[in-house]
Amino acid sequence: IHRAVRLVQQRIIQQEPALCSTVIPTPKLHLTLAVSYLPDPEYVTRAAKVVKECVNAARETFTTPPVSLTFTGIKSFKNE
């Protein structure tokens, strides 16, 4: 999984070098499930476009079958 994440990070940086400083080292990665605040339909449209672009990029990058993951805990930040 870490190797695949590094590949995605490298691809993102190739597309947008300014994001280099935002890359999280793979040993510190975590999965965040969140609901975004999208105040109006324009934000929803923009967010949907970005998600579709990410899905397409992932499909191009990952050519192996999907991986099944098992999660062993739930945490929150500041009880939010």
N, C-alpha and C. Protein backbone atom coordinates (compact mmCIF):
# COMPACT_ATOMS: atom_id res chain seq x y z
N ILE A 1 0.83 -1.19 0.00
CA ILE A 1 0.00 0.00 0.00
C ILE A 1 0.87 1.25 0.00
N HIS A 2 1.92 1.23 0.81
CA HIS A 2 2.80 2.41 0.87
C HIS A 2 3.41 2.72 -0.50
N ARG A 3 3.82 1.67 -1.22
CA ARG A 3 4.41 1.90 -2.55
C ARG A 3 3.39 2.55 -3.48
N ALA A 4 2.17 2.07 -3.44
CA ALA A 4 1.13 2.64 -4.29
C ALA A 4 0.84 4.09 -3.91
N VAL A 5 0.83 4.38 -2.62
CA VAL A 5 0.59 5.76 -2.17
C VAL A 5 1.72 6.66 -2.66
N ARG A 6 2.95 6.18 -2.57
CA ARG A 6 4.08 6.99 -3.05
C ARG A 6 3.93 7.29 -4.54
N LEU A 7 3.47 6.31 -5.31
CA LEU A 7 3.25 6.53 -6.74
C LEU A 7 2.21 7.62 -6.98
N VAL A 8 1.13 7.58 -6.21
CA VAL A 8 0.09 8.60 -6.34
C VAL A 8 0.66 9.96 -5.97
N GLN A 9 1.40 10.02 -4.87
CA GLN A 9 1.99 11.29 -4.44
C GLN A 9 2.93 11.84 -5.52
N GLN A 10 3.74 10.97 -6.10
CA GLN A 10 4.66 11.40 -7.15
C GLN A 10 3.90 11.96 -8.35
N ARG A 11 2.82 11.29 -8.71
CA ARG A 11 2.03 11.76 -9.84
C ARG A 11 1.41 13.13 -9.56
N ILE A 12 0.92 13.32 -8.35
CA ILE A 12 0.33 14.60 -7.97
C ILE A 12 1.39 15.70 -8.06
N ILE A 13 2.58 15.42 -7.53
CA ILE A 13 3.65 16.42 -7.54
C ILE A 13 4.10 16.72 -8.97
N GLN A 14 4.10 15.71 -9.82
CA GLN A 14 4.43 15.95 -11.23
C GLN A 14 3.43 16.91 -11.86
N GLN A 15 2.17 16.76 -11.52
CA GLN A 15 1.13 17.60 -12.07
C GLN A 15 1.13 18.99 -11.44
N GLU A 16 1.45 19.05 -10.15
CA GLU A 16 1.40 20.32 -9.42
C GLU A 16 2.55 20.38 -8.42
N PRO A 17 3.76 20.79 -8.88
CA PRO A 17 4.94 20.81 -8.01
C PRO A 17 4.75 21.63 -6.74
N ALA A 18 3.89 22.63 -6.75
CA ALA A 18 3.69 23.47 -5.56
C ALA A 18 3.13 22.66 -4.39
N LEU A 19 2.57 21.50 -4.66
CA LEU A 19 2.00 20.67 -3.60
C LEU A 19 3.04 19.78 -2.90
N CYS A 20 4.28 19.87 -3.32
CA CYS A 20 5.34 19.03 -2.75
C CYS A 20 5.41 19.15 -1.24
N SER A 21 5.26 20.34 -0.72
CA SER A 21 5.38 20.53 0.72
C SER A 21 4.18 19.97 1.49
N THR A 22 3.13 19.59 0.81
CA THR A 22 1.94 19.07 1.49
C THR A 22 1.91 17.54 1.59
N VAL A 23 2.89 16.88 0.98
CA VAL A 23 2.91 15.42 0.96
C VAL A 23 3.26 14.89 2.36
N ILE A 24 2.45 13.97 2.83
CA ILE A 24 2.65 13.34 4.14
C ILE A 24 3.52 12.09 3.94
N PRO A 25 4.56 11.92 4.75
CA PRO A 25 5.36 10.69 4.65
C PRO A 25 4.46 9.46 4.86
N THR A 26 4.66 8.43 4.07
CA THR A 26 3.76 7.27 4.11
C THR A 26 3.63 6.63 5.50
N PRO A 27 4.68 6.57 6.33
CA PRO A 27 4.47 5.96 7.65
C PRO A 27 3.49 6.76 8.54
N LYS A 28 3.25 8.01 8.21
CA LYS A 28 2.35 8.84 9.01
C LYS A 28 0.95 8.94 8.41
N LEU A 29 0.71 8.26 7.33
CA LEU A 29 -0.59 8.36 6.67
C LEU A 29 -1.70 7.75 7.53
N HIS A 30 -2.88 8.29 7.35
CA HIS A 30 -4.07 7.77 8.00
C HIS A 30 -5.25 8.01 7.07
N LEU A 31 -6.32 7.37 7.34
CA LEU A 31 -7.53 7.53 6.55
C LEU A 31 -8.50 8.42 7.31
N THR A 32 -8.90 9.50 6.67
CA THR A 32 -9.86 10.40 7.29
C THR A 32 -11.16 10.33 6.51
N LEU A 33 -12.22 10.06 7.22
CA LEU A 33 -13.55 10.09 6.63
C LEU A 33 -14.20 11.36 7.12
N ALA A 34 -14.64 12.18 6.20
CA ALA A 34 -15.16 13.48 6.62
C ALA A 34 -16.27 13.93 5.69
N VAL A 35 -17.06 14.83 6.19
CA VAL A 35 -18.08 15.49 5.39
C VAL A 35 -17.59 16.91 5.16
N SER A 36 -17.53 17.30 3.93
CA SER A 36 -17.06 18.65 3.60
C SER A 36 -18.21 19.64 3.64
N TYR A 37 -17.90 20.84 4.04
CA TYR A 37 -18.89 21.90 4.01
C TYR A 37 -18.86 22.53 2.63
N LEU A 38 -19.91 22.34 1.88
CA LEU A 38 -20.04 22.90 0.54
C LEU A 38 -21.24 23.84 0.56
N PRO A 39 -20.98 25.15 0.69
CA PRO A 39 -22.04 26.10 0.99
C PRO A 39 -23.06 26.37 -0.12
N ASP A 40 -22.71 26.03 -1.36
CA ASP A 40 -23.67 26.29 -2.42
C ASP A 40 -23.44 25.33 -3.58
N PRO A 41 -24.36 25.28 -4.54
CA PRO A 41 -24.26 24.33 -5.65
C PRO A 41 -22.96 24.45 -6.46
N GLU A 42 -22.40 25.65 -6.55
CA GLU A 42 -21.14 25.81 -7.29
C GLU A 42 -20.02 25.01 -6.63
N TYR A 43 -19.95 25.04 -5.29
CA TYR A 43 -18.95 24.27 -4.57
C TYR A 43 -19.16 22.77 -4.77
N VAL A 44 -20.41 22.34 -4.76
CA VAL A 44 -20.72 20.93 -4.97
C VAL A 44 -20.26 20.50 -6.35
N THR A 45 -20.53 21.30 -7.36
CA THR A 45 -20.13 20.99 -8.73
C THR A 45 -18.61 20.91 -8.85
N ARG A 46 -17.93 21.88 -8.24
CA ARG A 46 -16.47 21.89 -8.28
C ARG A 46 -15.89 20.67 -7.57
N ALA A 47 -16.44 20.32 -6.41
CA ALA A 47 -15.96 19.17 -5.66
C ALA A 47 -16.19 17.87 -6.45
N ALA A 48 -17.34 17.74 -7.07
CA ALA A 48 -17.64 16.55 -7.87
C ALA A 48 -16.67 16.41 -9.03
N LYS A 49 -16.32 17.52 -9.66
CA LYS A 49 -15.36 17.49 -10.77
C LYS A 49 -14.00 17.00 -10.30
N VAL A 50 -13.55 17.49 -9.15
CA VAL A 50 -12.25 17.09 -8.61
C VAL A 50 -12.25 15.60 -8.27
N VAL A 51 -13.32 15.12 -7.65
CA VAL A 51 -13.41 13.70 -7.30
C VAL A 51 -13.35 12.84 -8.56
N LYS A 52 -14.07 13.22 -9.59
CA LYS A 52 -14.04 12.46 -10.85
C LYS A 52 -12.64 12.44 -11.45
N GLU A 53 -11.94 13.57 -11.40
CA GLU A 53 -10.56 13.62 -11.91
C GLU A 53 -9.64 12.70 -11.12
N CYS A 54 -9.82 12.67 -9.81
CA CYS A 54 -9.01 11.78 -8.97
C CYS A 54 -9.29 10.31 -9.28
N VAL A 55 -10.55 9.98 -9.47
CA VAL A 55 -10.91 8.60 -9.79
C VAL A 55 -10.26 8.20 -11.11
N ASN A 56 -10.33 9.07 -12.11
CA ASN A 56 -9.73 8.75 -13.40
C ASN A 56 -8.22 8.58 -13.28
N ALA A 57 -7.57 9.45 -12.52
CA ALA A 57 -6.11 9.34 -12.32
C ALA A 57 -5.77 8.04 -11.60
N ALA A 58 -6.57 7.66 -10.61
CA ALA A 58 -6.32 6.42 -9.88
C ALA A 58 -6.48 5.21 -10.81
N ARG A 59 -7.48 5.25 -11.65
CA ARG A 59 -7.69 4.13 -12.59
C ARG A 59 -6.51 3.99 -13.54
N GLU A 60 -5.93 5.11 -13.96
CA GLU A 60 -4.76 5.06 -14.84
C GLU A 60 -3.53 4.55 -14.11
N THR A 61 -3.42 4.88 -12.82
CA THR A 61 -2.24 4.54 -12.04
C THR A 61 -2.29 3.09 -11.55
N PHE A 62 -3.43 2.67 -11.05
CA PHE A 62 -3.55 1.35 -10.46
C PHE A 62 -4.18 0.39 -11.47
N THR A 63 -3.37 -0.52 -11.97
CA THR A 63 -3.87 -1.47 -12.97
C THR A 63 -4.12 -2.85 -12.37
N THR A 64 -3.84 -3.02 -11.10
CA THR A 64 -4.08 -4.30 -10.45
C THR A 64 -5.49 -4.32 -9.88
N PRO A 65 -5.99 -5.50 -9.56
CA PRO A 65 -7.34 -5.57 -8.97
C PRO A 65 -7.39 -4.81 -7.64
N PRO A 66 -8.56 -4.35 -7.24
CA PRO A 66 -8.70 -3.63 -5.97
C PRO A 66 -8.24 -4.48 -4.79
N VAL A 67 -7.80 -3.81 -3.75
CA VAL A 67 -7.35 -4.46 -2.52
C VAL A 67 -8.45 -4.35 -1.48
N SER A 68 -8.62 -5.40 -0.70
CA SER A 68 -9.58 -5.39 0.38
C SER A 68 -8.84 -5.01 1.67
N LEU A 69 -9.38 -4.07 2.43
CA LEU A 69 -8.75 -3.61 3.66
C LEU A 69 -9.62 -3.91 4.86
N THR A 70 -8.98 -4.20 5.98
CA THR A 70 -9.68 -4.40 7.24
C THR A 70 -9.25 -3.30 8.20
N PHE A 71 -10.20 -2.64 8.82
CA PHE A 71 -9.91 -1.56 9.76
C PHE A 71 -10.11 -2.06 11.18
N THR A 72 -9.26 -1.58 12.08
CA THR A 72 -9.30 -2.09 13.44
C THR A 72 -9.59 -1.02 14.49
N GLY A 73 -9.97 0.18 14.09
CA GLY A 73 -10.25 1.18 15.10
C GLY A 73 -10.81 2.45 14.51
N ILE A 74 -11.40 3.22 15.38
CA ILE A 74 -11.94 4.52 14.99
C ILE A 74 -11.47 5.54 16.01
N LYS A 75 -11.02 6.67 15.52
CA LYS A 75 -10.61 7.78 16.39
C LYS A 75 -11.14 9.06 15.80
N SER A 76 -11.11 10.10 16.59
CA SER A 76 -11.53 11.41 16.10
C SER A 76 -10.57 12.46 16.63
N PHE A 77 -10.56 13.59 15.99
CA PHE A 77 -9.76 14.72 16.44
C PHE A 77 -10.62 15.61 17.31
N LYS A 78 -10.22 15.84 18.52
CA LYS A 78 -10.92 16.72 19.43
C LYS A 78 -12.38 16.33 19.61
N ASN A 79 -12.67 15.06 19.53
CA ASN A 79 -14.05 14.56 19.68
C ASN A 79 -15.03 15.19 18.71
N GLU A 80 -14.56 15.58 17.56
CA GLU A 80 -15.46 16.18 16.56
C GLU A 80 -15.88 15.13 15.56
